[in-house]
Amino acid sequence: MDGRGPISAPVDDLVVFICADGRHVEIGRTQPDGSGHLTLRDGGWAYCAAGRSTEPHTWVEISPRRLPEISHVADPGQEATR
């Protein structure tokens, strides 16, 4: 741990990846929206609703949106860009 603590996206930045790992999606559905884990991936914000920062993720690209617009009950497959 580098001591910096969790990072957070500035209010107007857009999330472009979400975690679609089945276990993480199920855990995320029990967590409040916006309480997950943010990280940077390929130059853009990536969000895991489960908040599992140390576990592997299955990232899918989504239409860019602000963090408050991401619902933990939505299916990541429906969110993904095609």
PDB file of N, CA and C in Angstrom:
ATOM      1  N   MET A   1       0.857  -1.188   0.000  1.00  0.00           N
ATOM      2  CA  MET A   1       0.000   0.000   0.000  1.00  0.00           C
ATOM      3  C   MET A   1       0.885   1.228   0.000  1.00  0.00           C
ATOM      4  N   ASP A   2       0.565   2.208  -0.807  1.00  0.00           N
ATOM      5  CA  ASP A   2       1.419   3.385  -0.924  1.00  0.00           C
ATOM      6  C   ASP A   2       1.002   4.515   0.009  1.00  0.00           C
ATOM      7  N   GLY A   3      -0.057   4.350   0.799  1.00  0.00           N
ATOM      8  CA  GLY A   3      -0.455   5.355   1.768  1.00  0.00           C
ATOM      9  C   GLY A   3      -1.303   6.483   1.218  1.00  0.00           C
ATOM     10  N   ARG A   4      -1.577   6.475  -0.080  1.00  0.00           N
ATOM     11  CA  ARG A   4      -2.372   7.549  -0.665  1.00  0.00           C
ATOM     12  C   ARG A   4      -3.865   7.359  -0.457  1.00  0.00           C
ATOM     13  N   GLY A   5      -4.304   6.157  -0.147  1.00  0.00           N
ATOM     14  CA  GLY A   5      -5.720   5.901   0.041  1.00  0.00           C
ATOM     15  C   GLY A   5      -6.442   5.777  -1.292  1.00  0.00           C
ATOM     16  N   PRO A   6      -7.759   5.600  -1.260  1.00  0.00           N
ATOM     17  CA  PRO A   6      -8.521   5.426  -2.496  1.00  0.00           C
ATOM     18  C   PRO A   6      -8.538   6.710  -3.317  1.00  0.00           C
ATOM     19  N   ILE A   7      -8.644   6.531  -4.625  1.00  0.00           N
ATOM     20  CA  ILE A   7      -8.753   7.689  -5.511  1.00  0.00           C
ATOM     21  C   ILE A   7     -10.216   7.907  -5.849  1.00  0.00           C
ATOM     22  N   SER A   8     -10.552   9.092  -6.223  1.00  0.00           N
ATOM     23  CA  SER A   8     -11.917   9.369  -6.650  1.00  0.00           C
ATOM     24  C   SER A   8     -11.875  10.247  -7.884  1.00  0.00           C
ATOM     25  N   ALA A   9     -12.810   9.974  -8.776  1.00  0.00           N
ATOM     26  CA  ALA A   9     -12.887  10.727 -10.020  1.00  0.00           C
ATOM     27  C   ALA A   9     -13.446  12.114  -9.725  1.00  0.00           C
ATOM     28  N   PRO A  10     -12.885  13.133 -10.351  1.00  0.00           N
ATOM     29  CA  PRO A  10     -13.507  14.447 -10.238  1.00  0.00           C
ATOM     30  C   PRO A  10     -14.961  14.374 -10.725  1.00  0.00           C
ATOM     31  N   VAL A  11     -15.799  15.203 -10.191  1.00  0.00           N
ATOM     32  CA  VAL A  11     -17.239  15.149 -10.440  1.00  0.00           C
ATOM     33  C   VAL A  11     -17.595  15.091 -11.918  1.00  0.00           C
ATOM     34  N   ASP A  12     -16.891  15.820 -12.758  1.00  0.00           N
ATOM     35  CA  ASP A  12     -17.262  15.875 -14.166  1.00  0.00           C
ATOM     36  C   ASP A  12     -16.541  14.851 -15.041  1.00  0.00           C
ATOM     37  N   ASP A  13     -15.626  14.057 -14.477  1.00  0.00           N
ATOM     38  CA  ASP A  13     -14.938  13.032 -15.266  1.00  0.00           C
ATOM     39  C   ASP A  13     -15.891  11.889 -15.578  1.00  0.00           C
ATOM     40  N   LEU A  14     -15.589  11.155 -16.636  1.00  0.00           N
ATOM     41  CA  LEU A  14     -16.458  10.076 -17.085  1.00  0.00           C
ATOM     42  C   LEU A  14     -15.825   8.716 -16.847  1.00  0.00           C
ATOM     43  N   VAL A  15     -16.640   7.785 -16.407  1.00  0.00           N
ATOM     44  CA  VAL A  15     -16.227   6.393 -16.267  1.00  0.00           C
ATOM     45  C   VAL A  15     -16.415   5.741 -17.639  1.00  0.00           C
ATOM     46  N   VAL A  16     -15.399   5.005 -18.098  1.00  0.00           N
ATOM     47  CA  VAL A  16     -15.483   4.382 -19.430  1.00  0.00           C
ATOM     48  C   VAL A  16     -15.385   2.856 -19.379  1.00  0.00           C
ATOM     49  N   PHE A  17     -15.114   2.286 -18.202  1.00  0.00           N
ATOM     50  CA  PHE A  17     -15.094   0.838 -18.030  1.00  0.00           C
ATOM     51  C   PHE A  17     -15.807   0.477 -16.735  1.00  0.00           C
ATOM     52  N   ILE A  18     -16.544  -0.634 -16.750  1.00  0.00           N
ATOM     53  CA  ILE A  18     -17.093  -1.172 -15.505  1.00  0.00           C
ATOM     54  C   ILE A  18     -16.712  -2.644 -15.415  1.00  0.00           C
ATOM     55  N   CYS A  19     -16.657  -3.137 -14.200  1.00  0.00           N
ATOM     56  CA  CYS A  19     -16.313  -4.534 -13.960  1.00  0.00           C
ATOM     57  C   CYS A  19     -17.555  -5.392 -14.180  1.00  0.00           C
ATOM     58  N   ALA A  20     -17.408  -6.424 -15.028  1.00  0.00           N
ATOM     59  CA  ALA A  20     -18.512  -7.329 -15.324  1.00  0.00           C
ATOM     60  C   ALA A  20     -18.278  -8.725 -14.750  1.00  0.00           C
ATOM     61  N   ASP A  21     -17.297  -8.862 -13.863  1.00  0.00           N
ATOM     62  CA  ASP A  21     -17.054 -10.146 -13.212  1.00  0.00           C
ATOM     63  C   ASP A  21     -18.324 -10.558 -12.460  1.00  0.00           C
ATOM     64  N   GLY A  22     -18.818 -11.763 -12.717  1.00  0.00           N
ATOM     65  CA  GLY A  22     -20.091 -12.202 -12.138  1.00  0.00           C
ATOM     66  C   GLY A  22     -20.173 -12.075 -10.633  1.00  0.00           C
ATOM     67  N   ARG A  23     -19.133 -12.485  -9.930  1.00  0.00           N
ATOM     68  CA  ARG A  23     -19.129 -12.397  -8.472  1.00  0.00           C
ATOM     69  C   ARG A  23     -19.134 -10.942  -8.017  1.00  0.00           C
ATOM     70  N   HIS A  24     -18.367 -10.102  -8.699  1.00  0.00           N
ATOM     71  CA  HIS A  24     -18.313  -8.685  -8.341  1.00  0.00           C
ATOM     72  C   HIS A  24     -19.656  -7.995  -8.606  1.00  0.00           C
ATOM     73  N   VAL A  25     -20.316  -8.374  -9.685  1.00  0.00           N
ATOM     74  CA  VAL A  25     -21.630  -7.787  -9.993  1.00  0.00           C
ATOM     75  C   VAL A  25     -22.624  -8.134  -8.884  1.00  0.00           C
ATOM     76  N   GLU A  26     -22.631  -9.406  -8.453  1.00  0.00           N
ATOM     77  CA  GLU A  26     -23.553  -9.823  -7.387  1.00  0.00           C
ATOM     78  C   GLU A  26     -23.262  -9.096  -6.076  1.00  0.00           C
ATOM     79  N   ILE A  27     -22.003  -8.985  -5.712  1.00  0.00           N
ATOM     80  CA  ILE A  27     -21.635  -8.252  -4.493  1.00  0.00           C
ATOM     81  C   ILE A  27     -22.042  -6.785  -4.628  1.00  0.00           C
ATOM     82  N   GLY A  28     -21.781  -6.201  -5.783  1.00  0.00           N
ATOM     83  CA  GLY A  28     -22.086  -4.794  -6.020  1.00  0.00           C
ATOM     84  C   GLY A  28     -23.560  -4.474  -5.872  1.00  0.00           C
ATOM     85  N   ARG A  29     -24.414  -5.428  -6.215  1.00  0.00           N
ATOM     86  CA  ARG A  29     -25.862  -5.193  -6.095  1.00  0.00           C
ATOM     87  C   ARG A  29     -26.299  -5.006  -4.649  1.00  0.00           C
ATOM     88  N   THR A  30     -25.465  -5.415  -3.712  1.00  0.00           N
ATOM     89  CA  THR A  30     -25.793  -5.250  -2.290  1.00  0.00           C
ATOM     90  C   THR A  30     -25.176  -3.978  -1.700  1.00  0.00           C
ATOM     91  N   GLN A  31     -24.439  -3.235  -2.511  1.00  0.00           N
ATOM     92  CA  GLN A  31     -23.732  -2.043  -2.054  1.00  0.00           C
ATOM     93  C   GLN A  31     -24.423  -0.777  -2.582  1.00  0.00           C
ATOM     94  N   PRO A  32     -24.323   0.324  -1.882  1.00  0.00           N
ATOM     95  CA  PRO A  32     -24.908   1.578  -2.374  1.00  0.00           C
ATOM     96  C   PRO A  32     -24.222   2.031  -3.668  1.00  0.00           C
ATOM     97  N   ASP A  33     -25.006   2.590  -4.584  1.00  0.00           N
ATOM     98  CA  ASP A  33     -24.436   3.152  -5.812  1.00  0.00           C
ATOM     99  C   ASP A  33     -23.331   4.138  -5.461  1.00  0.00           C
ATOM    100  N   GLY A  34     -22.241   4.079  -6.219  1.00  0.00           N
ATOM    101  CA  GLY A  34     -21.143   5.012  -6.029  1.00  0.00           C
ATOM    102  C   GLY A  34     -20.149   4.626  -4.950  1.00  0.00           C
ATOM    103  N   SER A  35     -20.386   3.510  -4.253  1.00  0.00           N
ATOM    104  CA  SER A  35     -19.512   3.135  -3.145  1.00  0.00           C
ATOM    105  C   SER A  35     -18.414   2.152  -3.542  1.00  0.00           C
ATOM    106  N   GLY A  36     -18.320   1.834  -4.830  1.00  0.00           N
ATOM    107  CA  GLY A  36     -17.356   0.840  -5.295  1.00  0.00           C
ATOM    108  C   GLY A  36     -15.939   1.373  -5.419  1.00  0.00           C
ATOM    109  N   HIS A  37     -15.155   0.691  -6.240  1.00  0.00           N
ATOM    110  CA  HIS A  37     -13.733   0.992  -6.424  1.00  0.00           C
ATOM    111  C   HIS A  37     -13.480   1.648  -7.777  1.00  0.00           C
ATOM    112  N   LEU A  38     -12.792   2.773  -7.766  1.00  0.00           N
ATOM    113  CA  LEU A  38     -12.371   3.463  -8.992  1.00  0.00           C
ATOM    114  C   LEU A  38     -10.885   3.245  -9.210  1.00  0.00           C
ATOM    115  N   THR A  39     -10.526   3.064 -10.464  1.00  0.00           N
ATOM    116  CA  THR A  39      -9.122   2.963 -10.831  1.00  0.00           C
ATOM    117  C   THR A  39      -8.965   3.504 -12.248  1.00  0.00           C
ATOM    118  N   LEU A  40      -7.735   3.670 -12.659  1.00  0.00           N
ATOM    119  CA  LEU A  40      -7.479   4.103 -14.029  1.00  0.00           C
ATOM    120  C   LEU A  40      -7.108   2.900 -14.872  1.00  0.00           C
ATOM    121  N   ARG A  41      -7.673   2.825 -16.073  1.00  0.00           N
ATOM    122  CA  ARG A  41      -7.397   1.736 -17.017  1.00  0.00           C
ATOM    123  C   ARG A  41      -7.321   2.332 -18.411  1.00  0.00           C
ATOM    124  N   ASP A  42      -6.230   2.084 -19.094  1.00  0.00           N
ATOM    125  CA  ASP A  42      -6.056   2.584 -20.465  1.00  0.00           C
ATOM    126  C   ASP A  42      -6.399   4.069 -20.587  1.00  0.00           C
ATOM    127  N   GLY A  43      -6.017   4.852 -19.599  1.00  0.00           N
ATOM    128  CA  GLY A  43      -6.217   6.298 -19.648  1.00  0.00           C
ATOM    129  C   GLY A  43      -7.603   6.774 -19.280  1.00  0.00           C
ATOM    130  N   GLY A  44      -8.490   5.878 -18.838  1.00  0.00           N
ATOM    131  CA  GLY A  44      -9.844   6.277 -18.463  1.00  0.00           C
ATOM    132  C   GLY A  44     -10.230   5.683 -17.125  1.00  0.00           C
ATOM    133  N   TRP A  45     -11.289   6.205 -16.535  1.00  0.00           N
ATOM    134  CA  TRP A  45     -11.766   5.710 -15.250  1.00  0.00           C
ATOM    135  C   TRP A  45     -12.473   4.374 -15.430  1.00  0.00           C
ATOM    136  N   ALA A  46     -12.204   3.458 -14.493  1.00  0.00           N
ATOM    137  CA  ALA A  46     -12.846   2.149 -14.458  1.00  0.00           C
ATOM    138  C   ALA A  46     -13.451   1.975 -13.065  1.00  0.00           C
ATOM    139  N   TYR A  47     -14.635   1.374 -12.992  1.00  0.00           N
ATOM    140  CA  TYR A  47     -15.376   1.279 -11.738  1.00  0.00           C
ATOM    141  C   TYR A  47     -15.841  -0.145 -11.475  1.00  0.00           C
ATOM    142  N   CYS A  48     -15.595  -0.632 -10.270  1.00  0.00           N
ATOM    143  CA  CYS A  48     -16.089  -1.933  -9.826  1.00  0.00           C
ATOM    144  C   CYS A  48     -17.084  -1.690  -8.699  1.00  0.00           C
ATOM    145  N   ALA A  49     -18.338  -2.075  -8.922  1.00  0.00           N
ATOM    146  CA  ALA A  49     -19.394  -1.848  -7.929  1.00  0.00           C
ATOM    147  C   ALA A  49     -19.143  -2.613  -6.633  1.00  0.00           C
ATOM    148  N   ALA A  50     -18.409  -3.724  -6.709  1.00  0.00           N
ATOM    149  CA  ALA A  50     -18.149  -4.526  -5.515  1.00  0.00           C
ATOM    150  C   ALA A  50     -17.104  -3.896  -4.603  1.00  0.00           C
ATOM    151  N   GLY A  51     -16.309  -2.982  -5.128  1.00  0.00           N
ATOM    152  CA  GLY A  51     -15.280  -2.342  -4.310  1.00  0.00           C
ATOM    153  C   GLY A  51     -14.102  -3.243  -4.021  1.00  0.00           C
ATOM    154  N   ARG A  52     -13.891  -4.265  -4.819  1.00  0.00           N
ATOM    155  CA  ARG A  52     -12.803  -5.231  -4.606  1.00  0.00           C
ATOM    156  C   ARG A  52     -11.544  -4.760  -5.318  1.00  0.00           C
ATOM    157  N   SER A  53     -10.796  -3.896  -4.683  1.00  0.00           N
ATOM    158  CA  SER A  53      -9.641  -3.271  -5.334  1.00  0.00           C
ATOM    159  C   SER A  53      -8.472  -4.225  -5.545  1.00  0.00           C
ATOM    160  N   THR A  54      -8.350  -5.278  -4.753  1.00  0.00           N
ATOM    161  CA  THR A  54      -7.182  -6.153  -4.853  1.00  0.00           C
ATOM    162  C   THR A  54      -7.451  -7.433  -5.642  1.00  0.00           C
ATOM    163  N   GLU A  55      -8.670  -7.611  -6.123  1.00  0.00           N
ATOM    164  CA  GLU A  55      -9.015  -8.817  -6.876  1.00  0.00           C
ATOM    165  C   GLU A  55      -9.003  -8.534  -8.376  1.00  0.00           C
ATOM    166  N   PRO A  56      -8.806  -9.574  -9.205  1.00  0.00           N
ATOM    167  CA  PRO A  56      -8.860  -9.383 -10.664  1.00  0.00           C
ATOM    168  C   PRO A  56     -10.264  -8.951 -11.108  1.00  0.00           C
ATOM    169  N   HIS A  57     -10.312  -8.194 -12.183  1.00  0.00           N
ATOM    170  CA  HIS A  57     -11.576  -7.679 -12.719  1.00  0.00           C
ATOM    171  C   HIS A  57     -11.767  -8.124 -14.162  1.00  0.00           C
ATOM    172  N   THR A  58     -13.015  -8.097 -14.598  1.00  0.00           N
ATOM    173  CA  THR A  58     -13.357  -8.317 -15.998  1.00  0.00           C
ATOM    174  C   THR A  58     -13.920  -6.992 -16.492  1.00  0.00           C
ATOM    175  N   TRP A  59     -13.070  -6.163 -17.103  1.00  0.00           N
ATOM    176  CA  TRP A  59     -13.487  -4.820 -17.509  1.00  0.00           C
ATOM    177  C   TRP A  59     -14.180  -4.858 -18.858  1.00  0.00           C
ATOM    178  N   VAL A  60     -15.302  -4.146 -18.959  1.00  0.00           N
ATOM    179  CA  VAL A  60     -15.986  -3.945 -20.236  1.00  0.00           C
ATOM    180  C   VAL A  60     -16.119  -2.442 -20.457  1.00  0.00           C
ATOM    181  N   GLU A  61     -15.977  -2.055 -21.698  1.00  0.00           N
ATOM    182  CA  GLU A  61     -16.111  -0.644 -22.043  1.00  0.00           C
ATOM    183  C   GLU A  61     -17.585  -0.278 -22.100  1.00  0.00           C
ATOM    184  N   ILE A  62     -17.912   0.892 -21.571  1.00  0.00           N
ATOM    185  CA  ILE A  62     -19.296   1.378 -21.581  1.00  0.00           C
ATOM    186  C   ILE A  62     -19.340   2.736 -22.274  1.00  0.00           C
ATOM    187  N   SER A  63     -20.531   3.178 -22.612  1.00  0.00           N
ATOM    188  CA  SER A  63     -20.692   4.549 -23.081  1.00  0.00           C
ATOM    189  C   SER A  63     -20.296   5.445 -21.921  1.00  0.00           C
ATOM    190  N   PRO A  64     -19.413   6.400 -22.136  1.00  0.00           N
ATOM    191  CA  PRO A  64     -18.930   7.227 -21.032  1.00  0.00           C
ATOM    192  C   PRO A  64     -20.070   7.875 -20.245  1.00  0.00           C
ATOM    193  N   ARG A  65     -19.952   7.792 -18.926  1.00  0.00           N
ATOM    194  CA  ARG A  65     -20.958   8.413 -18.057  1.00  0.00           C
ATOM    195  C   ARG A  65     -20.333   8.794 -16.722  1.00  0.00           C
ATOM    196  N   ARG A  66     -20.962   9.745 -16.063  1.00  0.00           N
ATOM    197  CA  ARG A  66     -20.487  10.163 -14.739  1.00  0.00           C
ATOM    198  C   ARG A  66     -20.825   9.072 -13.723  1.00  0.00           C
ATOM    199  N   LEU A  67     -20.033   8.977 -12.680  1.00  0.00           N
ATOM    200  CA  LEU A  67     -20.221   7.952 -11.662  1.00  0.00           C
ATOM    201  C   LEU A  67     -21.650   7.925 -11.093  1.00  0.00           C
ATOM    202  N   PRO A  68     -22.273   9.060 -10.786  1.00  0.00           N
ATOM    203  CA  PRO A  68     -23.635   9.008 -10.237  1.00  0.00           C
ATOM    204  C   PRO A  68     -24.673   8.410 -11.203  1.00  0.00           C
ATOM    205  N   GLU A  69     -24.318   8.276 -12.473  1.00  0.00           N
ATOM    206  CA  GLU A  69     -25.245   7.715 -13.468  1.00  0.00           C
ATOM    207  C   GLU A  69     -25.139   6.195 -13.576  1.00  0.00           C
ATOM    208  N   ILE A  70     -24.228   5.588 -12.823  1.00  0.00           N
ATOM    209  CA  ILE A  70     -24.032   4.138 -12.877  1.00  0.00           C
ATOM    210  C   ILE A  70     -24.822   3.490 -11.754  1.00  0.00           C
ATOM    211  N   SER A  71     -25.714   2.575 -12.134  1.00  0.00           N
ATOM    212  CA  SER A  71     -26.557   1.870 -11.165  1.00  0.00           C
ATOM    213  C   SER A  71     -25.963   0.496 -10.876  1.00  0.00           C
ATOM    214  N   HIS A  72     -25.893   0.141  -9.610  1.00  0.00           N
ATOM    215  CA  HIS A  72     -25.373  -1.171  -9.238  1.00  0.00           C
ATOM    216  C   HIS A  72     -26.334  -2.300  -9.594  1.00  0.00           C
ATOM    217  N   VAL A  73     -27.584  -2.007  -9.842  1.00  0.00           N
ATOM    218  CA  VAL A  73     -28.532  -3.071 -10.181  1.00  0.00           C
ATOM    219  C   VAL A  73     -28.609  -3.323 -11.684  1.00  0.00           C
ATOM    220  N   ALA A  74     -28.027  -2.447 -12.489  1.00  0.00           N
ATOM    221  CA  ALA A  74     -28.034  -2.639 -13.936  1.00  0.00           C
ATOM    222  C   ALA A  74     -27.095  -3.782 -14.319  1.00  0.00           C
ATOM    223  N   ASP A  75     -27.430  -4.486 -15.374  1.00  0.00           N
ATOM    224  CA  ASP A  75     -26.599  -5.562 -15.888  1.00  0.00           C
ATOM    225  C   ASP A  75     -25.451  -4.954 -16.685  1.00  0.00           C
ATOM    226  N   PRO A  76     -24.186  -5.227 -16.300  1.00  0.00           N
ATOM    227  CA  PRO A  76     -23.046  -4.663 -17.027  1.00  0.00           C
ATOM    228  C   PRO A  76     -23.065  -5.002 -18.517  1.00  0.00           C
ATOM    229  N   GLY A  77     -23.644  -6.144 -18.875  1.00  0.00           N
ATOM    230  CA  GLY A  77     -23.745  -6.505 -20.290  1.00  0.00           C
ATOM    231  C   GLY A  77     -24.612  -5.538 -21.074  1.00  0.00           C
ATOM    232  N   GLN A  78     -25.627  -4.993 -20.422  1.00  0.00           N
ATOM    233  CA  GLN A  78     -26.481  -4.001 -21.068  1.00  0.00           C
ATOM    234  C   GLN A  78     -25.795  -2.637 -21.142  1.00  0.00           C
ATOM    235  N   GLU A  79     -24.877  -2.382 -20.225  1.00  0.00           N
ATOM    236  CA  GLU A  79     -24.152  -1.119 -20.180  1.00  0.00           C
ATOM    237  C   GLU A  79     -23.043  -1.073 -21.234  1.00  0.00           C
ATOM    238  N   ALA A  80     -22.525  -2.238 -21.601  1.00  0.00           N
ATOM    239  CA  ALA A  80     -21.344  -2.316 -22.462  1.00  0.00           C
ATOM    240  C   ALA A  80     -21.610  -1.748 -23.846  1.00  0.00           C
ATOM    241  N   THR A  81     -20.559  -1.140 -24.406  1.00  0.00           N
ATOM    242  CA  THR A  81     -20.648  -0.691 -25.788  1.00  0.00           C
ATOM    243  C   THR A  81     -20.458  -1.910 -26.677  1.00  0.00           C
ATOM    244  N   ARG A  82     -21.013  -1.858 -27.824  1.00  0.00           N
ATOM    245  CA  ARG A  82     -20.914  -3.012 -28.732  1.00  0.00           C
ATOM    246  C   ARG A  82     -20.097  -2.646 -29.942  1.00  0.00           C
TER     247      ARG A  82
END
